[in-house]
Amino acid sequence: METHLHHEHTETHLKSSAALRDIVIGMSDGLTVPFALAAGLSGAVSSSNIIVIAGIAEIAAGSIAMGLGGYLSGKTEQDHYRSEVSREYSEIENLRHKEIEETKEFFASIGLSPELQQQATEEIAQDKDRWVDFMMKYELGLDKPDPKRATKSALNIGLSYVAGGIIPLSPYFFISDSTEALKISVVATLICLFIFGYFKSKITGVNPLLGALRVTLIGAMAAAAAFGVAKLFEGN
């Protein structure tokens, strides 16, 4: 009973964190990639208009690509689950003795006596659907995925990417000189990266300050590298 309750708690926690995980994925790339692009273009062109156009195009393409990736991941998870369910039904029909032994092994692993193992196995094997659900969850460790998960993941990741990408690009909307816009973009984006990294690390159990500094440093290095490469080619 204690094992069952613990499993249910873990399952609820994972489901509640699915949307948060999508937001982290989308926001992380959304803050970093357009930031690096804007910084790189600022090293090559002086007009903010060009950077705004290129930035918007990148955000649109990036959000669609990231969202599609989330959608395909969700669909793959559903397809995998259905495939495993079909296989379990087939094994129950054709390899019943093997499935019975595997069920007994699970009950043995949680400390039931041989008598209770036999009794519990016989009880659960009376209902084929319940038996398959049991084997999916406890033998394979697979929970039934949300049928709307793929769509939700695509929207969460895509919209988070857009929200993150607007931050480094926003100064270029109001300042015509790209160098001046870059200065504000750097400050605003690094602050957002630090805050994002702090809360991301706190949620995932990592030291918040170290996590925030790591995320900020990665974003700064990407932007600096893009800016340096643009200046290098501009000089040639």
C-alpha atoms as a PDB file:
ATOM      1  CA  MET A   1       0.000   0.000   0.000  1.00  0.00           C
ATOM      2  CA  GLU A   2       2.829   2.411   0.878  1.00  0.00           C
ATOM      3  CA  THR A   3       4.526   1.696  -2.451  1.00  0.00           C
ATOM      4  CA  HIS A   4       1.289   2.379  -4.331  1.00  0.00           C
ATOM      5  CA  LEU A   5       0.760   5.699  -2.564  1.00  0.00           C
ATOM      6  CA  HIS A   6       4.321   6.771  -3.209  1.00  0.00           C
ATOM      7  CA  HIS A   7       3.963   5.941  -6.893  1.00  0.00           C
ATOM      8  CA  GLU A   8       0.757   7.932  -7.205  1.00  0.00           C
ATOM      9  CA  HIS A   9       2.379  10.964  -5.606  1.00  0.00           C
ATOM     10  CA  THR A  10       5.316  10.781  -8.013  1.00  0.00           C
ATOM     11  CA  GLU A  11       3.021  10.387 -11.006  1.00  0.00           C
ATOM     12  CA  THR A  12       1.024  13.503 -10.067  1.00  0.00           C
ATOM     13  CA  HIS A  13       4.197  15.491  -9.589  1.00  0.00           C
ATOM     14  CA  LEU A  14       5.544  14.537 -13.003  1.00  0.00           C
ATOM     15  CA  LYS A  15       2.312  15.440 -14.733  1.00  0.00           C
ATOM     16  CA  SER A  16       2.173  18.824 -13.032  1.00  0.00           C
ATOM     17  CA  SER A  17       5.761  19.554 -14.107  1.00  0.00           C
ATOM     18  CA  ALA A  18       5.244  18.705 -17.796  1.00  0.00           C
ATOM     19  CA  ALA A  19       4.085  22.208 -18.747  1.00  0.00           C
ATOM     20  CA  LEU A  20       6.856  23.736 -16.645  1.00  0.00           C
ATOM     21  CA  ARG A  21       9.431  21.607 -18.433  1.00  0.00           C
ATOM     22  CA  ASP A  22       8.112  22.799 -21.806  1.00  0.00           C
ATOM     23  CA  ILE A  23       8.270  26.434 -20.699  1.00  0.00           C
ATOM     24  CA  VAL A  24      11.861  25.989 -19.517  1.00  0.00           C
ATOM     25  CA  ILE A  25      12.864  24.457 -22.873  1.00  0.00           C
ATOM     26  CA  GLY A  26      11.182  27.183 -24.916  1.00  0.00           C
ATOM     27  CA  MET A  27      12.253  30.109 -22.761  1.00  0.00           C
ATOM     28  CA  SER A  28      15.853  28.924 -22.517  1.00  0.00           C
ATOM     29  CA  ASP A  29      16.363  28.809 -26.285  1.00  0.00           C
ATOM     30  CA  GLY A  30      14.148  31.843 -26.839  1.00  0.00           C
ATOM     31  CA  LEU A  31      16.350  34.016 -24.657  1.00  0.00           C
ATOM     32  CA  THR A  32      19.650  32.682 -25.996  1.00  0.00           C
ATOM     33  CA  VAL A  33      19.321  32.194 -29.767  1.00  0.00           C
ATOM     34  CA  PRO A  34      17.706  35.540 -30.764  1.00  0.00           C
ATOM     35  CA  PHE A  35      20.090  37.264 -28.334  1.00  0.00           C
ATOM     36  CA  ALA A  36      23.093  35.754 -30.083  1.00  0.00           C
ATOM     37  CA  LEU A  37      21.615  36.562 -33.499  1.00  0.00           C
ATOM     38  CA  ALA A  38      20.942  40.194 -32.593  1.00  0.00           C
ATOM     39  CA  ALA A  39      24.413  40.566 -31.097  1.00  0.00           C
ATOM     40  CA  GLY A  40      26.033  39.036 -34.169  1.00  0.00           C
ATOM     41  CA  LEU A  41      24.130  41.268 -36.573  1.00  0.00           C
ATOM     42  CA  SER A  42      24.949  44.306 -34.432  1.00  0.00           C
ATOM     43  CA  GLY A  43      28.594  43.616 -35.118  1.00  0.00           C
ATOM     44  CA  ALA A  44      27.992  43.702 -38.854  1.00  0.00           C
ATOM     45  CA  VAL A  45      25.247  46.272 -39.534  1.00  0.00           C
ATOM     46  CA  SER A  46      24.417  49.641 -38.021  1.00  0.00           C
ATOM     47  CA  SER A  47      20.701  49.722 -38.820  1.00  0.00           C
ATOM     48  CA  SER A  48      18.345  48.283 -36.213  1.00  0.00           C
ATOM     49  CA  ASN A  49      15.661  47.749 -38.860  1.00  0.00           C
ATOM     50  CA  ILE A  50      17.611  44.915 -40.441  1.00  0.00           C
ATOM     51  CA  ILE A  51      18.135  43.288 -37.039  1.00  0.00           C
ATOM     52  CA  VAL A  52      14.440  43.605 -36.198  1.00  0.00           C
ATOM     53  CA  ILE A  53      13.419  41.946 -39.469  1.00  0.00           C
ATOM     54  CA  ALA A  54      15.976  39.159 -39.081  1.00  0.00           C
ATOM     55  CA  GLY A  55      15.108  38.730 -35.404  1.00  0.00           C
ATOM     56  CA  ILE A  56      11.372  38.436 -36.046  1.00  0.00           C
ATOM     57  CA  ALA A  57      12.033  35.919 -38.804  1.00  0.00           C
ATOM     58  CA  GLU A  58      14.246  33.879 -36.484  1.00  0.00           C
ATOM     59  CA  ILE A  59      11.707  33.964 -33.646  1.00  0.00           C
ATOM     60  CA  ALA A  60       8.952  32.828 -36.005  1.00  0.00           C
ATOM     61  CA  ALA A  61      11.056  30.017 -37.459  1.00  0.00           C
ATOM     62  CA  GLY A  62      12.505  29.038 -34.096  1.00  0.00           C
ATOM     63  CA  SER A  63       9.163  28.911 -32.290  1.00  0.00           C
ATOM     64  CA  ILE A  64       7.648  26.781 -35.051  1.00  0.00           C
ATOM     65  CA  ALA A  65      10.639  24.422 -35.104  1.00  0.00           C
ATOM     66  CA  MET A  66      10.728  24.105 -31.322  1.00  0.00           C
ATOM     67  CA  GLY A  67       6.963  23.681 -31.112  1.00  0.00           C
ATOM     68  CA  LEU A  68       7.033  21.024 -33.815  1.00  0.00           C
ATOM     69  CA  GLY A  69       9.763  19.231 -31.918  1.00  0.00           C
ATOM     70  CA  GLY A  70       7.604  19.223 -28.795  1.00  0.00           C
ATOM     71  CA  TYR A  71       4.612  17.973 -30.769  1.00  0.00           C
ATOM     72  CA  LEU A  72       6.565  15.122 -32.366  1.00  0.00           C
ATOM     73  CA  SER A  73       8.009  14.177 -28.990  1.00  0.00           C
ATOM     74  CA  GLY A  74       4.518  13.981 -27.517  1.00  0.00           C
ATOM     75  CA  LYS A  75       3.232  11.918 -30.448  1.00  0.00           C
ATOM     76  CA  THR A  76       6.199   9.567 -30.190  1.00  0.00           C
ATOM     77  CA  GLU A  77       5.437   9.032 -26.519  1.00  0.00           C
ATOM     78  CA  GLN A  78       1.818   8.168 -27.339  1.00  0.00           C
ATOM     79  CA  ASP A  79       2.822   5.824 -30.183  1.00  0.00           C
ATOM     80  CA  HIS A  80       5.344   4.080 -27.948  1.00  0.00           C
ATOM     81  CA  TYR A  81       2.743   3.602 -25.214  1.00  0.00           C
ATOM     82  CA  ARG A  82       0.187   2.150 -27.652  1.00  0.00           C
ATOM     83  CA  SER A  83       2.822  -0.196 -29.064  1.00  0.00           C
ATOM     84  CA  GLU A  84       3.732  -1.467 -25.610  1.00  0.00           C
ATOM     85  CA  VAL A  85       0.060  -1.926 -24.673  1.00  0.00           C
ATOM     86  CA  SER A  86      -0.472  -4.036 -27.787  1.00  0.00           C
ATOM     87  CA  ARG A  87       2.585  -6.117 -26.944  1.00  0.00           C
ATOM     88  CA  GLU A  88       1.377  -6.689 -23.365  1.00  0.00           C
ATOM     89  CA  TYR A  89      -2.030  -7.882 -24.578  1.00  0.00           C
ATOM     90  CA  SER A  90      -0.285 -10.257 -26.965  1.00  0.00           C
ATOM     91  CA  GLU A  91       1.934 -11.642 -24.206  1.00  0.00           C
ATOM     92  CA  ILE A  92      -1.027 -12.134 -21.876  1.00  0.00           C
ATOM     93  CA  GLU A  93      -2.790 -14.096 -24.606  1.00  0.00           C
ATOM     94  CA  ASN A  94       0.170 -16.134 -25.838  1.00  0.00           C
ATOM     95  CA  LEU A  95       2.676 -16.155 -22.953  1.00  0.00           C
ATOM     96  CA  ARG A  96       0.351 -16.132 -19.977  1.00  0.00           C
ATOM     97  CA  HIS A  97       2.650 -18.249 -17.791  1.00  0.00           C
ATOM     98  CA  LYS A  98       5.510 -15.793 -18.341  1.00  0.00           C
ATOM     99  CA  GLU A  99       3.335 -12.789 -17.437  1.00  0.00           C
ATOM    100  CA  ILE A 100       2.144 -14.573 -14.300  1.00  0.00           C
ATOM    101  CA  GLU A 101       5.732 -15.145 -13.204  1.00  0.00           C
ATOM    102  CA  GLU A 102       6.627 -11.495 -13.887  1.00  0.00           C
ATOM    103  CA  THR A 103       3.628 -10.372 -11.838  1.00  0.00           C
ATOM    104  CA  LYS A 104       4.671 -12.620  -8.965  1.00  0.00           C
ATOM    105  CA  GLU A 105       8.201 -11.233  -9.176  1.00  0.00           C
ATOM    106  CA  PHE A 106       6.870  -7.724  -8.712  1.00  0.00           C
ATOM    107  CA  PHE A 107       4.879  -8.692  -5.620  1.00  0.00           C
ATOM    108  CA  ALA A 108       7.931 -10.528  -4.295  1.00  0.00           C
ATOM    109  CA  SER A 109      10.019  -7.376  -4.784  1.00  0.00           C
ATOM    110  CA  ILE A 110       7.726  -5.407  -2.473  1.00  0.00           C
ATOM    111  CA  GLY A 111       7.976  -8.056   0.249  1.00  0.00           C
ATOM    112  CA  LEU A 112       4.801 -10.117  -0.087  1.00  0.00           C
ATOM    113  CA  SER A 113       4.900 -13.706   1.099  1.00  0.00           C
ATOM    114  CA  PRO A 114       4.661 -16.491  -1.534  1.00  0.00           C
ATOM    115  CA  GLU A 115       1.042 -17.090  -0.527  1.00  0.00           C
ATOM    116  CA  LEU A 116       0.098 -13.454  -0.949  1.00  0.00           C
ATOM    117  CA  GLN A 117       2.046 -13.280  -4.221  1.00  0.00           C
ATOM    118  CA  GLN A 118      -0.046 -16.116  -5.600  1.00  0.00           C
ATOM    119  CA  GLN A 119      -3.297 -14.634  -4.281  1.00  0.00           C
ATOM    120  CA  ALA A 120      -2.596 -11.124  -5.587  1.00  0.00           C
ATOM    121  CA  THR A 121      -1.519 -12.470  -9.006  1.00  0.00           C
ATOM    122  CA  GLU A 122      -4.634 -14.586  -9.375  1.00  0.00           C
ATOM    123  CA  GLU A 123      -6.805 -11.622  -8.390  1.00  0.00           C
ATOM    124  CA  ILE A 124      -5.270  -9.166 -10.843  1.00  0.00           C
ATOM    125  CA  ALA A 125      -5.115 -11.710 -13.688  1.00  0.00           C
ATOM    126  CA  GLN A 126      -8.905 -12.066 -13.651  1.00  0.00           C
ATOM    127  CA  ASP A 127      -9.317  -8.768 -15.492  1.00  0.00           C
ATOM    128  CA  LYS A 128      -7.229  -8.574 -18.676  1.00  0.00           C
ATOM    129  CA  ASP A 129      -7.440  -4.782 -19.010  1.00  0.00           C
ATOM    130  CA  ARG A 130      -6.514  -4.209 -15.379  1.00  0.00           C
ATOM    131  CA  TRP A 131      -3.661  -6.699 -15.715  1.00  0.00           C
ATOM    132  CA  VAL A 132      -2.274  -4.870 -18.758  1.00  0.00           C
ATOM    133  CA  ASP A 133      -2.520  -1.506 -16.976  1.00  0.00           C
ATOM    134  CA  PHE A 134      -0.697  -3.038 -14.009  1.00  0.00           C
ATOM    135  CA  MET A 135       2.124  -4.428 -16.158  1.00  0.00           C
ATOM    136  CA  MET A 136       2.476  -1.165 -18.083  1.00  0.00           C
ATOM    137  CA  LYS A 137       2.860   0.788 -14.882  1.00  0.00           C
ATOM    138  CA  TYR A 138       4.891  -1.544 -12.690  1.00  0.00           C
ATOM    139  CA  GLU A 139       6.812  -3.747 -15.132  1.00  0.00           C
ATOM    140  CA  LEU A 140       7.602  -1.128 -17.791  1.00  0.00           C
ATOM    141  CA  GLY A 141       7.251   2.027 -15.677  1.00  0.00           C
ATOM    142  CA  LEU A 142       4.995   3.673 -18.261  1.00  0.00           C
ATOM    143  CA  ASP A 143       2.013   5.860 -17.376  1.00  0.00           C
ATOM    144  CA  LYS A 144      -0.716   6.489 -19.921  1.00  0.00           C
ATOM    145  CA  PRO A 145       0.167   9.774 -21.665  1.00  0.00           C
ATOM    146  CA  ASP A 146      -2.265  12.654 -21.896  1.00  0.00           C
ATOM    147  CA  PRO A 147      -3.837  12.436 -25.395  1.00  0.00           C
ATOM    148  CA  LYS A 148      -3.588  16.237 -25.646  1.00  0.00           C
ATOM    149  CA  ARG A 149       0.006  16.298 -24.480  1.00  0.00           C
ATOM    150  CA  ALA A 150       1.538  16.738 -27.959  1.00  0.00           C
ATOM    151  CA  THR A 151      -0.564  19.824 -28.737  1.00  0.00           C
ATOM    152  CA  LYS A 152      -0.057  21.322 -25.299  1.00  0.00           C
ATOM    153  CA  SER A 153       3.697  20.776 -25.525  1.00  0.00           C
ATOM    154  CA  ALA A 154       3.887  22.428 -28.947  1.00  0.00           C
ATOM    155  CA  LEU A 155       1.991  25.500 -27.728  1.00  0.00           C
ATOM    156  CA  ASN A 156       3.908  25.779 -24.442  1.00  0.00           C
ATOM    157  CA  ILE A 157       7.321  25.525 -26.079  1.00  0.00           C
ATOM    158  CA  GLY A 158       6.465  27.708 -29.077  1.00  0.00           C
ATOM    159  CA  LEU A 159       4.894  30.530 -27.061  1.00  0.00           C
ATOM    160  CA  SER A 160       7.679  30.417 -24.475  1.00  0.00           C
ATOM    161  CA  TYR A 161      10.225  30.743 -27.265  1.00  0.00           C
ATOM    162  CA  VAL A 162       8.430  33.831 -28.595  1.00  0.00           C
ATOM    163  CA  ALA A 163       8.224  35.372 -25.114  1.00  0.00           C
ATOM    164  CA  GLY A 164      11.918  34.777 -24.530  1.00  0.00           C
ATOM    165  CA  GLY A 165      12.961  35.977 -27.978  1.00  0.00           C
ATOM    166  CA  ILE A 166      11.158  39.312 -27.730  1.00  0.00           C
ATOM    167  CA  ILE A 167      13.281  40.384 -24.752  1.00  0.00           C
ATOM    168  CA  PRO A 168      16.693  40.721 -26.488  1.00  0.00           C
ATOM    169  CA  LEU A 169      15.056  42.052 -29.641  1.00  0.00           C
ATOM    170  CA  SER A 170      12.856  44.726 -28.030  1.00  0.00           C
ATOM    171  CA  PRO A 171      15.489  47.527 -27.757  1.00  0.00           C
ATOM    172  CA  TYR A 172      15.990  47.416 -31.518  1.00  0.00           C
ATOM    173  CA  PHE A 173      12.354  48.407 -32.027  1.00  0.00           C
ATOM    174  CA  PHE A 174      12.974  51.793 -30.369  1.00  0.00           C
ATOM    175  CA  ILE A 175      16.645  52.579 -31.003  1.00  0.00           C
ATOM    176  CA  SER A 176      17.786  53.017 -34.605  1.00  0.00           C
ATOM    177  CA  ASP A 177      21.514  52.634 -33.893  1.00  0.00           C
ATOM    178  CA  SER A 178      22.244  48.932 -33.479  1.00  0.00           C
ATOM    179  CA  THR A 179      25.268  49.447 -31.230  1.00  0.00           C
ATOM    180  CA  GLU A 180      23.272  51.490 -28.725  1.00  0.00           C
ATOM    181  CA  ALA A 181      20.390  49.018 -28.918  1.00  0.00           C
ATOM    182  CA  LEU A 182      22.814  46.162 -28.283  1.00  0.00           C
ATOM    183  CA  LYS A 183      23.988  47.724 -25.022  1.00  0.00           C
ATOM    184  CA  ILE A 184      20.451  47.795 -23.662  1.00  0.00           C
ATOM    185  CA  SER A 185      19.716  44.366 -25.093  1.00  0.00           C
ATOM    186  CA  VAL A 186      22.738  42.894 -23.320  1.00  0.00           C
ATOM    187  CA  VAL A 187      21.759  44.337 -19.943  1.00  0.00           C
ATOM    188  CA  ALA A 188      18.080  43.372 -20.239  1.00  0.00           C
ATOM    189  CA  THR A 189      18.760  39.865 -21.550  1.00  0.00           C
ATOM    190  CA  LEU A 190      21.477  39.018 -19.030  1.00  0.00           C
ATOM    191  CA  ILE A 191      19.196  40.127 -16.193  1.00  0.00           C
ATOM    192  CA  CYS A 192      16.390  37.964 -17.572  1.00  0.00           C
ATOM    193  CA  LEU A 193      18.768  35.031 -18.064  1.00  0.00           C
ATOM    194  CA  PHE A 194      19.926  35.348 -14.471  1.00  0.00           C
ATOM    195  CA  ILE A 195      16.355  35.444 -13.133  1.00  0.00           C
ATOM    196  CA  PHE A 196      15.307  32.596 -15.411  1.00  0.00           C
ATOM    197  CA  GLY A 197      18.338  30.524 -14.429  1.00  0.00           C
ATOM    198  CA  TYR A 198      17.714  31.190 -10.732  1.00  0.00           C
ATOM    199  CA  PHE A 199      14.121  29.965 -10.747  1.00  0.00           C
ATOM    200  CA  LYS A 200      14.899  27.099 -13.123  1.00  0.00           C
ATOM    201  CA  SER A 201      17.659  25.880 -10.794  1.00  0.00           C
ATOM    202  CA  LYS A 202      15.510  26.328  -7.709  1.00  0.00           C
ATOM    203  CA  ILE A 203      12.744  24.213  -9.232  1.00  0.00           C
ATOM    204  CA  THR A 204      15.123  21.470 -10.348  1.00  0.00           C
ATOM    205  CA  GLY A 205      16.980  21.350  -7.023  1.00  0.00           C
ATOM    206  CA  VAL A 206      20.271  22.842  -8.256  1.00  0.00           C
ATOM    207  CA  ASN A 207      22.025  25.610  -6.325  1.00  0.00           C
ATOM    208  CA  PRO A 208      20.047  28.674  -7.540  1.00  0.00           C
ATOM    209  CA  LEU A 209      22.941  31.129  -7.660  1.00  0.00           C
ATOM    210  CA  LEU A 210      25.304  28.743  -9.431  1.00  0.00           C
ATOM    211  CA  GLY A 211      22.548  27.737 -11.843  1.00  0.00           C
ATOM    212  CA  ALA A 212      21.683  31.368 -12.555  1.00  0.00           C
ATOM    213  CA  LEU A 213      25.330  32.249 -13.188  1.00  0.00           C
ATOM    214  CA  ARG A 214      25.758  29.240 -15.493  1.00  0.00           C
ATOM    215  CA  VAL A 215      22.710  30.131 -17.609  1.00  0.00           C
ATOM    216  CA  THR A 216      23.783  33.788 -17.763  1.00  0.00           C
ATOM    217  CA  LEU A 217      27.334  32.866 -18.734  1.00  0.00           C
ATOM    218  CA  ILE A 218      26.163  30.564 -21.531  1.00  0.00           C
ATOM    219  CA  GLY A 219      23.948  33.304 -22.982  1.00  0.00           C
ATOM    220  CA  ALA A 220      26.723  35.889 -22.713  1.00  0.00           C
ATOM    221  CA  MET A 221      29.269  33.587 -24.363  1.00  0.00           C
ATOM    222  CA  ALA A 222      26.901  32.797 -27.248  1.00  0.00           C
ATOM    223  CA  ALA A 223      26.228  36.485 -27.883  1.00  0.00           C
ATOM    224  CA  ALA A 224      29.901  37.421 -27.567  1.00  0.00           C
ATOM    225  CA  ALA A 225      30.921  34.675 -29.985  1.00  0.00           C
ATOM    226  CA  ALA A 226      28.327  35.758 -32.552  1.00  0.00           C
ATOM    227  CA  PHE A 227      29.371  39.409 -32.222  1.00  0.00           C
ATOM    228  CA  GLY A 228      33.060  38.506 -32.541  1.00  0.00           C
ATOM    229  CA  VAL A 229      32.524  36.368 -35.633  1.00  0.00           C
ATOM    230  CA  ALA A 230      30.486  39.137 -37.277  1.00  0.00           C
ATOM    231  CA  LYS A 231      33.223  41.681 -36.569  1.00  0.00           C
ATOM    232  CA  LEU A 232      35.858  39.298 -37.880  1.00  0.00           C
ATOM    233  CA  PHE A 233      34.111  38.793 -41.197  1.00  0.00           C
ATOM    234  CA  GLU A 234      33.246  42.481 -41.397  1.00  0.00           C
ATOM    235  CA  GLY A 235      36.942  43.264 -41.157  1.00  0.00           C
ATOM    236  CA  ASN A 236      37.687  40.889 -44.015  1.00  0.00           C
END
